[in-house]
């Protein structure tokens, strides 16, 4: 009888550990506070203080063919770019400073374009786009929280000349 009680106790402990450690997203995580998440609805990219790209999620039309909806670069590295963000009121806010946040991008055609950082600054909000050859591809800019995006743009066209 004593062995059955010890077995039952261990089984309950294992079940509780499994439930606590099972994969849950940030939104489902009852331990994380909402302040740990960077709330952005848009991105502004600057190069030497000049706005290169302006994306406000609620107003962005990925089907539009306007010049403003396309990033145009030359082959090779762009100058250093700096990402800032919009809150829900379209007020510009600084990039997150939480070390759990990093900057990333999903690129449709990595043979045409990649994102680069200075050594030791990988994932920072200061970056370069590298046009590898002429063509056109799409990119999604992201604020990563661990291994998943807390913010992601819709696909943005990048034309490399």
N, C-alpha and C. Protein backbone atom coordinates (compact mmCIF):
# COMPACT_ATOMS: atom_id res chain seq x y z
N UNK A 1 0.82 -1.20 0.00
CA UNK A 1 0.00 0.00 0.00
C UNK A 1 0.87 1.27 0.00
N UNK A 2 1.95 1.23 0.78
CA UNK A 2 2.84 2.38 0.86
C UNK A 2 3.47 2.68 -0.51
N UNK A 3 3.87 1.63 -1.27
CA UNK A 3 4.45 1.81 -2.59
C UNK A 3 3.45 2.45 -3.55
N UNK A 4 2.17 2.10 -3.43
CA UNK A 4 1.13 2.66 -4.29
C UNK A 4 0.96 4.15 -3.99
N UNK A 5 1.03 4.55 -2.73
CA UNK A 5 0.91 5.95 -2.34
C UNK A 5 2.09 6.76 -2.88
N UNK A 6 3.30 6.22 -2.77
CA UNK A 6 4.49 6.91 -3.31
C UNK A 6 4.38 7.03 -4.82
N UNK A 7 3.94 5.95 -5.48
CA UNK A 7 3.76 5.97 -6.94
C UNK A 7 2.73 7.03 -7.34
N UNK A 8 1.60 7.07 -6.63
CA UNK A 8 0.55 8.06 -6.93
C UNK A 8 1.08 9.48 -6.76
N UNK A 9 1.83 9.72 -5.71
CA UNK A 9 2.39 11.03 -5.45
C UNK A 9 3.34 11.43 -6.58
N UNK A 10 4.22 10.52 -6.98
CA UNK A 10 5.16 10.81 -8.06
C UNK A 10 4.43 11.07 -9.39
N UNK A 11 3.39 10.31 -9.63
CA UNK A 11 2.61 10.50 -10.85
C UNK A 11 1.96 11.88 -10.87
N UNK A 12 1.42 12.30 -9.75
CA UNK A 12 0.78 13.63 -9.66
C UNK A 12 1.83 14.71 -9.88
N UNK A 13 3.01 14.56 -9.28
CA UNK A 13 4.08 15.55 -9.44
C UNK A 13 4.50 15.62 -10.91
N UNK A 14 4.65 14.46 -11.55
CA UNK A 14 5.03 14.45 -12.97
C UNK A 14 3.97 15.12 -13.84
N UNK A 15 2.72 14.87 -13.56
CA UNK A 15 1.63 15.49 -14.33
C UNK A 15 1.66 17.00 -14.14
N UNK A 16 1.83 17.45 -12.91
CA UNK A 16 1.89 18.90 -12.65
C UNK A 16 3.08 19.53 -13.35
N UNK A 17 4.24 18.88 -13.32
CA UNK A 17 5.40 19.41 -14.02
C UNK A 17 5.15 19.48 -15.52
N UNK A 18 4.54 18.49 -16.08
CA UNK A 18 4.24 18.49 -17.51
C UNK A 18 3.32 19.65 -17.87
N UNK A 19 2.28 19.85 -17.06
CA UNK A 19 1.34 20.94 -17.33
C UNK A 19 2.04 22.29 -17.23
N UNK A 20 2.88 22.47 -16.23
CA UNK A 20 3.58 23.74 -16.05
C UNK A 20 4.60 24.00 -17.13
N UNK A 21 5.25 22.95 -17.64
CA UNK A 21 6.31 23.13 -18.60
C UNK A 21 5.86 22.95 -20.04
N UNK A 22 4.61 22.63 -20.24
CA UNK A 22 4.14 22.43 -21.62
C UNK A 22 4.20 23.74 -22.38
N UNK A 23 4.46 23.63 -23.69
CA UNK A 23 4.62 24.82 -24.53
C UNK A 23 3.37 25.67 -24.58
N UNK A 24 3.51 26.90 -24.16
CA UNK A 24 2.41 27.84 -24.28
C UNK A 24 2.96 29.13 -24.83
N UNK A 25 2.16 29.84 -25.58
CA UNK A 25 2.60 31.10 -26.15
C UNK A 25 2.58 32.18 -25.09
N UNK A 26 3.14 33.33 -25.40
CA UNK A 26 3.15 34.44 -24.45
C UNK A 26 1.73 34.83 -24.05
N UNK A 27 0.81 34.79 -25.02
CA UNK A 27 -0.56 35.19 -24.75
C UNK A 27 -1.23 34.26 -23.76
N UNK A 28 -0.81 32.97 -23.74
CA UNK A 28 -1.41 31.99 -22.86
C UNK A 28 -0.67 31.86 -21.55
N UNK A 29 0.45 32.52 -21.41
CA UNK A 29 1.32 32.36 -20.26
C UNK A 29 0.79 33.17 -19.08
N UNK A 30 0.28 32.49 -18.05
CA UNK A 30 -0.27 33.23 -16.91
C UNK A 30 0.81 33.85 -16.03
N UNK A 31 2.08 33.44 -16.21
CA UNK A 31 3.15 33.96 -15.38
C UNK A 31 3.69 35.28 -15.92
N UNK A 32 3.77 35.41 -17.26
CA UNK A 32 4.29 36.63 -17.87
C UNK A 32 3.32 37.78 -17.68
N UNK A 33 3.85 38.91 -17.33
CA UNK A 33 2.99 40.08 -17.22
C UNK A 33 2.87 40.75 -18.58
N UNK A 34 1.77 41.46 -18.85
CA UNK A 34 1.60 42.10 -20.13
C UNK A 34 2.67 43.14 -20.43
N UNK A 35 3.34 43.66 -19.41
CA UNK A 35 4.36 44.68 -19.65
C UNK A 35 5.62 44.09 -20.28
N UNK A 36 5.74 42.75 -20.30
CA UNK A 36 6.91 42.13 -20.90
C UNK A 36 6.82 42.10 -22.42
N UNK A 37 5.68 42.44 -22.96
CA UNK A 37 5.48 42.38 -24.40
C UNK A 37 5.49 43.79 -24.97
N UNK A 38 6.22 43.94 -26.06
CA UNK A 38 6.32 45.23 -26.72
C UNK A 38 5.15 45.36 -27.68
N UNK A 39 4.29 46.31 -27.44
CA UNK A 39 3.09 46.50 -28.24
C UNK A 39 3.35 47.52 -29.34
N UNK A 40 3.46 47.04 -30.57
CA UNK A 40 3.66 47.92 -31.72
C UNK A 40 2.64 47.56 -32.80
N UNK A 41 2.23 48.56 -33.57
CA UNK A 41 1.32 48.31 -34.70
C UNK A 41 1.89 48.88 -36.00
N UNK A 42 3.13 49.34 -35.94
CA UNK A 42 3.76 49.87 -37.15
C UNK A 42 5.25 50.02 -36.94
N UNK A 43 5.93 50.29 -38.05
CA UNK A 43 7.38 50.45 -38.02
C UNK A 43 7.78 51.62 -38.91
N UNK A 44 8.78 52.37 -38.47
CA UNK A 44 9.39 53.43 -39.27
C UNK A 44 10.87 53.08 -39.35
N UNK A 45 11.41 53.13 -40.55
CA UNK A 45 12.82 52.84 -40.72
C UNK A 45 13.51 54.11 -41.19
N UNK A 46 14.59 54.48 -40.47
CA UNK A 46 15.35 55.68 -40.78
C UNK A 46 16.75 55.31 -41.24
N UNK A 47 17.29 56.16 -42.12
CA UNK A 47 18.68 56.08 -42.52
C UNK A 47 19.26 57.48 -42.35
N UNK A 48 20.18 57.64 -41.42
CA UNK A 48 20.77 58.95 -41.11
C UNK A 48 19.70 60.00 -40.85
N UNK A 49 18.67 59.63 -40.12
CA UNK A 49 17.61 60.55 -39.76
C UNK A 49 16.55 60.77 -40.83
N UNK A 50 16.72 60.19 -42.00
CA UNK A 50 15.75 60.34 -43.10
C UNK A 50 14.87 59.09 -43.13
N UNK A 51 13.56 59.30 -43.19
CA UNK A 51 12.62 58.19 -43.21
C UNK A 51 12.74 57.43 -44.52
N UNK A 52 13.04 56.13 -44.43
CA UNK A 52 13.19 55.26 -45.59
C UNK A 52 11.90 54.47 -45.85
N UNK A 53 11.22 54.10 -44.77
CA UNK A 53 10.00 53.31 -44.89
C UNK A 53 9.08 53.63 -43.73
N UNK A 54 7.78 53.71 -44.01
CA UNK A 54 6.77 54.06 -43.01
C UNK A 54 5.61 53.10 -43.17
N UNK A 55 5.37 52.29 -42.15
CA UNK A 55 4.33 51.27 -42.18
C UNK A 55 3.49 51.39 -40.92
N UNK A 56 2.21 51.67 -41.08
CA UNK A 56 1.27 51.67 -39.96
C UNK A 56 0.26 50.58 -40.26
N UNK A 57 0.31 49.49 -39.52
CA UNK A 57 -0.47 48.29 -39.80
C UNK A 57 -1.90 48.51 -40.21
N UNK A 58 -2.69 49.26 -39.43
CA UNK A 58 -4.10 49.41 -39.79
C UNK A 58 -4.34 50.11 -41.14
N UNK A 59 -3.38 50.92 -41.60
CA UNK A 59 -3.55 51.65 -42.86
C UNK A 59 -2.82 51.01 -44.04
N UNK A 60 -2.01 49.99 -43.79
CA UNK A 60 -1.15 49.44 -44.83
C UNK A 60 -1.96 48.56 -45.79
N UNK A 61 -1.78 48.80 -47.08
CA UNK A 61 -2.45 48.02 -48.11
C UNK A 61 -1.41 47.24 -48.91
N UNK A 62 -1.26 45.93 -48.65
CA UNK A 62 -0.23 45.16 -49.33
C UNK A 62 -0.49 44.96 -50.82
N UNK A 63 -1.70 45.29 -51.29
CA UNK A 63 -2.01 45.15 -52.71
C UNK A 63 -1.75 46.44 -53.48
N UNK A 64 -1.46 47.52 -52.76
CA UNK A 64 -1.23 48.81 -53.43
C UNK A 64 0.09 48.77 -54.19
N UNK A 65 0.15 49.53 -55.26
CA UNK A 65 1.39 49.58 -56.04
C UNK A 65 2.06 50.94 -55.91
N UNK A 66 1.69 51.67 -54.89
CA UNK A 66 2.27 53.00 -54.70
C UNK A 66 3.76 52.88 -54.37
N UNK A 67 4.50 53.89 -54.74
CA UNK A 67 5.94 53.91 -54.47
C UNK A 67 6.21 53.79 -52.97
N UNK A 68 5.36 54.37 -52.15
CA UNK A 68 5.56 54.34 -50.71
C UNK A 68 5.48 52.93 -50.14
N UNK A 69 4.83 52.00 -50.85
CA UNK A 69 4.67 50.64 -50.35
C UNK A 69 5.80 49.72 -50.81
N UNK A 70 6.81 50.28 -51.42
CA UNK A 70 7.94 49.49 -51.91
C UNK A 70 9.23 50.08 -51.37
N UNK A 71 10.12 49.21 -50.90
CA UNK A 71 11.45 49.64 -50.51
C UNK A 71 12.34 49.41 -51.71
N UNK A 72 13.05 50.45 -52.13
CA UNK A 72 13.94 50.34 -53.28
C UNK A 72 15.37 50.52 -52.80
N UNK A 73 16.22 49.54 -53.14
CA UNK A 73 17.62 49.62 -52.76
C UNK A 73 18.50 49.22 -53.95
N UNK A 74 19.78 49.50 -53.84
CA UNK A 74 20.76 49.08 -54.83
C UNK A 74 21.38 47.76 -54.37
N UNK A 75 22.06 47.06 -55.27
CA UNK A 75 22.79 45.87 -54.85
C UNK A 75 23.87 46.30 -53.87
N UNK A 76 24.22 45.42 -52.95
CA UNK A 76 25.19 45.74 -51.91
C UNK A 76 24.47 46.17 -50.64
N UNK A 77 25.23 46.58 -49.66
CA UNK A 77 24.67 46.98 -48.36
C UNK A 77 24.04 48.36 -48.43
N UNK A 78 22.89 48.50 -47.80
CA UNK A 78 22.30 49.82 -47.61
C UNK A 78 23.13 50.54 -46.55
N UNK A 79 22.96 51.84 -46.42
CA UNK A 79 23.52 52.50 -45.23
C UNK A 79 22.86 51.88 -44.00
N UNK A 80 23.41 52.15 -42.83
CA UNK A 80 22.84 51.62 -41.58
C UNK A 80 21.42 52.15 -41.38
N UNK A 81 20.49 51.26 -41.14
CA UNK A 81 19.10 51.64 -40.91
C UNK A 81 18.75 51.43 -39.45
N UNK A 82 17.82 52.26 -38.97
CA UNK A 82 17.37 52.23 -37.58
C UNK A 82 15.85 52.07 -37.56
N UNK A 83 15.37 51.07 -36.81
CA UNK A 83 13.92 50.82 -36.72
C UNK A 83 13.35 51.47 -35.47
N UNK A 84 12.27 52.20 -35.64
CA UNK A 84 11.44 52.73 -34.56
C UNK A 84 10.04 52.19 -34.81
N UNK A 85 9.12 52.42 -33.90
CA UNK A 85 7.81 51.79 -34.04
C UNK A 85 6.68 52.74 -33.72
N UNK A 86 5.48 52.34 -34.11
CA UNK A 86 4.26 53.08 -33.81
C UNK A 86 3.45 52.32 -32.77
N UNK A 87 2.82 53.08 -31.86
CA UNK A 87 1.83 52.48 -30.99
C UNK A 87 0.47 52.55 -31.69
N UNK A 88 -0.58 52.13 -31.03
CA UNK A 88 -1.91 52.07 -31.65
C UNK A 88 -2.46 53.45 -32.02
N UNK A 89 -1.90 54.53 -31.45
CA UNK A 89 -2.34 55.90 -31.77
C UNK A 89 -1.46 56.55 -32.83
N UNK A 90 -0.63 55.78 -33.47
CA UNK A 90 0.32 56.22 -34.48
C UNK A 90 1.33 57.22 -33.92
N UNK A 91 1.68 57.01 -32.67
CA UNK A 91 2.71 57.80 -32.02
C UNK A 91 4.00 57.00 -32.09
N UNK A 92 5.08 57.65 -32.54
CA UNK A 92 6.35 56.96 -32.68
C UNK A 92 6.93 56.64 -31.31
N UNK A 93 7.36 55.38 -31.15
CA UNK A 93 7.96 54.94 -29.90
C UNK A 93 9.32 54.31 -30.20
N UNK A 94 10.20 54.35 -29.22
CA UNK A 94 11.55 53.79 -29.38
C UNK A 94 11.47 52.27 -29.49
N UNK A 95 12.53 51.69 -29.99
CA UNK A 95 12.64 50.23 -30.07
C UNK A 95 12.68 49.65 -28.67
N UNK A 96 12.26 48.40 -28.50
CA UNK A 96 12.29 47.79 -27.17
C UNK A 96 13.72 47.65 -26.66
N UNK A 97 13.88 47.74 -25.34
CA UNK A 97 15.19 47.59 -24.73
C UNK A 97 15.31 46.27 -23.96
N UNK A 98 14.23 45.54 -23.83
CA UNK A 98 14.23 44.25 -23.15
C UNK A 98 15.16 43.29 -23.89
N UNK A 99 16.11 42.68 -23.20
CA UNK A 99 17.04 41.76 -23.89
C UNK A 99 16.35 40.54 -24.49
N UNK A 100 15.10 40.26 -24.09
CA UNK A 100 14.36 39.15 -24.68
C UNK A 100 13.78 39.52 -26.05
N UNK A 101 13.84 40.81 -26.41
CA UNK A 101 13.34 41.27 -27.71
C UNK A 101 14.51 41.45 -28.66
N UNK A 102 14.28 41.07 -29.92
CA UNK A 102 15.28 41.30 -30.96
C UNK A 102 14.55 41.62 -32.26
N UNK A 103 15.32 42.10 -33.22
CA UNK A 103 14.77 42.46 -34.52
C UNK A 103 15.05 41.33 -35.49
N UNK A 104 14.09 41.05 -36.33
CA UNK A 104 14.28 40.00 -37.32
C UNK A 104 13.50 40.30 -38.58
N UNK A 105 13.68 39.44 -39.55
CA UNK A 105 12.97 39.60 -40.82
C UNK A 105 12.81 38.23 -41.48
N UNK A 106 11.68 38.06 -42.12
CA UNK A 106 11.46 36.89 -42.98
C UNK A 106 11.51 37.40 -44.41
N UNK A 107 12.39 36.81 -45.20
CA UNK A 107 12.59 37.24 -46.58
C UNK A 107 12.17 36.11 -47.50
N UNK A 108 11.30 36.42 -48.48
CA UNK A 108 10.82 35.38 -49.39
C UNK A 108 11.94 34.75 -50.21
N UNK A 109 12.83 35.56 -50.76
CA UNK A 109 13.89 35.04 -51.61
C UNK A 109 15.25 35.47 -51.07
N UNK A 110 15.85 34.58 -50.29
CA UNK A 110 17.15 34.87 -49.67
C UNK A 110 18.28 34.89 -50.69
N UNK A 111 18.02 34.51 -51.94
CA UNK A 111 19.04 34.62 -52.98
C UNK A 111 19.16 36.06 -53.48
N UNK A 112 18.15 36.88 -53.19
CA UNK A 112 18.15 38.28 -53.63
C UNK A 112 18.49 39.26 -52.51
N UNK A 113 18.14 38.91 -51.28
CA UNK A 113 18.21 39.87 -50.18
C UNK A 113 18.48 39.17 -48.86
N UNK A 114 19.27 39.82 -48.01
CA UNK A 114 19.38 39.36 -46.63
C UNK A 114 19.52 40.56 -45.71
N UNK A 115 19.43 40.31 -44.43
CA UNK A 115 19.57 41.35 -43.42
C UNK A 115 20.87 41.09 -42.68
N UNK A 116 21.60 42.16 -42.35
CA UNK A 116 22.88 42.01 -41.68
C UNK A 116 23.01 43.03 -40.56
N UNK A 117 23.87 42.69 -39.59
CA UNK A 117 24.17 43.57 -38.47
C UNK A 117 25.67 43.69 -38.33
N UNK A 118 26.11 44.72 -37.63
CA UNK A 118 27.52 44.81 -37.26
C UNK A 118 27.83 43.68 -36.29
N UNK A 119 29.08 43.24 -36.27
CA UNK A 119 29.49 42.16 -35.37
C UNK A 119 29.13 42.51 -33.93
N UNK A 120 28.53 41.58 -33.24
CA UNK A 120 28.13 41.79 -31.85
C UNK A 120 26.80 42.49 -31.68
N UNK A 121 26.17 42.93 -32.77
CA UNK A 121 24.89 43.63 -32.70
C UNK A 121 23.76 42.83 -33.34
N UNK A 122 23.97 41.54 -33.57
CA UNK A 122 22.97 40.71 -34.22
C UNK A 122 21.64 40.80 -33.48
N UNK A 123 20.58 41.03 -34.22
CA UNK A 123 19.25 41.14 -33.64
C UNK A 123 18.91 42.53 -33.12
N UNK A 124 19.85 43.48 -33.23
CA UNK A 124 19.56 44.84 -32.77
C UNK A 124 18.65 45.54 -33.77
N UNK A 125 18.16 46.68 -33.40
CA UNK A 125 17.24 47.43 -34.24
C UNK A 125 17.96 48.39 -35.18
N UNK A 126 19.28 48.25 -35.26
CA UNK A 126 20.12 48.94 -36.25
C UNK A 126 20.69 47.86 -37.15
N UNK A 127 20.41 47.97 -38.45
CA UNK A 127 20.72 46.87 -39.35
C UNK A 127 21.00 47.38 -40.75
N UNK A 128 21.35 46.48 -41.62
CA UNK A 128 21.56 46.77 -43.04
C UNK A 128 20.76 45.75 -43.85
N UNK A 129 20.22 46.18 -44.98
CA UNK A 129 19.72 45.22 -45.96
C UNK A 129 20.83 45.04 -46.98
N UNK A 130 20.99 43.83 -47.45
CA UNK A 130 22.02 43.54 -48.43
C UNK A 130 21.35 43.00 -49.69
N UNK A 131 21.34 43.83 -50.73
CA UNK A 131 20.81 43.41 -52.02
C UNK A 131 21.85 42.56 -52.73
N UNK A 132 21.57 41.30 -52.92
CA UNK A 132 22.56 40.37 -53.48
C UNK A 132 22.59 40.40 -55.00
N UNK A 133 21.43 40.65 -55.62
CA UNK A 133 21.35 40.77 -57.08
C UNK A 133 20.05 41.46 -57.44
N UNK A 134 19.97 42.06 -58.62
CA UNK A 134 18.74 42.75 -59.02
C UNK A 134 17.54 41.80 -59.03
N UNK A 135 16.42 42.34 -58.61
CA UNK A 135 15.19 41.57 -58.59
C UNK A 135 14.22 42.16 -57.58
N UNK A 136 13.19 41.40 -57.29
CA UNK A 136 12.17 41.85 -56.36
C UNK A 136 11.77 40.69 -55.46
N UNK A 137 11.62 40.97 -54.18
CA UNK A 137 11.19 39.97 -53.22
C UNK A 137 10.34 40.66 -52.15
N UNK A 138 9.89 39.90 -51.19
CA UNK A 138 9.08 40.46 -50.10
C UNK A 138 9.77 40.18 -48.78
N UNK A 139 9.55 41.09 -47.83
CA UNK A 139 10.13 40.98 -46.50
C UNK A 139 9.05 41.27 -45.47
N UNK A 140 9.11 40.59 -44.34
CA UNK A 140 8.29 40.89 -43.17
C UNK A 140 9.25 41.28 -42.06
N UNK A 141 9.12 42.49 -41.54
CA UNK A 141 9.93 42.93 -40.41
C UNK A 141 9.26 42.45 -39.12
N UNK A 142 10.08 42.07 -38.14
CA UNK A 142 9.54 41.48 -36.92
C UNK A 142 10.24 42.01 -35.67
N UNK A 143 9.47 42.06 -34.58
CA UNK A 143 10.03 42.17 -33.24
C UNK A 143 9.86 40.78 -32.65
N UNK A 144 10.99 40.15 -32.37
CA UNK A 144 10.95 38.80 -31.84
C UNK A 144 11.02 38.84 -30.32
N UNK A 145 10.22 38.01 -29.71
CA UNK A 145 10.25 37.82 -28.26
C UNK A 145 10.62 36.36 -28.04
N UNK A 146 11.88 36.13 -27.76
CA UNK A 146 12.36 34.75 -27.72
C UNK A 146 12.39 34.21 -29.14
N UNK A 147 11.60 33.18 -29.40
CA UNK A 147 11.62 32.54 -30.71
C UNK A 147 10.38 32.81 -31.55
N UNK A 148 9.54 33.74 -31.12
CA UNK A 148 8.32 34.04 -31.88
C UNK A 148 8.12 35.55 -32.00
N UNK A 149 7.42 35.99 -33.06
CA UNK A 149 7.21 37.44 -33.22
C UNK A 149 6.08 37.97 -32.35
N UNK A 150 6.36 39.07 -31.65
CA UNK A 150 5.30 39.83 -30.96
C UNK A 150 4.70 40.85 -31.92
N UNK A 151 5.47 41.21 -32.95
CA UNK A 151 5.00 42.13 -33.99
C UNK A 151 5.59 41.66 -35.30
N UNK A 152 4.77 41.74 -36.35
CA UNK A 152 5.24 41.38 -37.69
C UNK A 152 4.45 42.20 -38.71
N UNK A 153 5.16 42.75 -39.68
CA UNK A 153 4.47 43.48 -40.75
C UNK A 153 3.86 42.50 -41.72
N UNK A 154 2.97 42.99 -42.54
CA UNK A 154 2.54 42.23 -43.70
C UNK A 154 3.71 42.22 -44.68
N UNK A 155 3.68 41.37 -45.71
CA UNK A 155 4.79 41.36 -46.68
C UNK A 155 4.97 42.73 -47.35
N UNK A 156 6.21 43.18 -47.40
CA UNK A 156 6.56 44.46 -48.00
C UNK A 156 7.48 44.15 -49.19
N UNK A 157 7.19 44.76 -50.33
CA UNK A 157 8.00 44.54 -51.54
C UNK A 157 9.32 45.28 -51.42
N UNK A 158 10.41 44.58 -51.73
CA UNK A 158 11.73 45.19 -51.81
C UNK A 158 12.22 44.97 -53.24
N UNK A 159 12.55 46.08 -53.91
CA UNK A 159 13.09 46.02 -55.27
C UNK A 159 14.56 46.36 -55.21
N UNK A 160 15.39 45.46 -55.76
CA UNK A 160 16.83 45.65 -55.78
C UNK A 160 17.25 45.97 -57.19
N UNK A 161 17.93 47.12 -57.40
CA UNK A 161 18.40 47.53 -58.73
C UNK A 161 19.89 47.33 -58.85
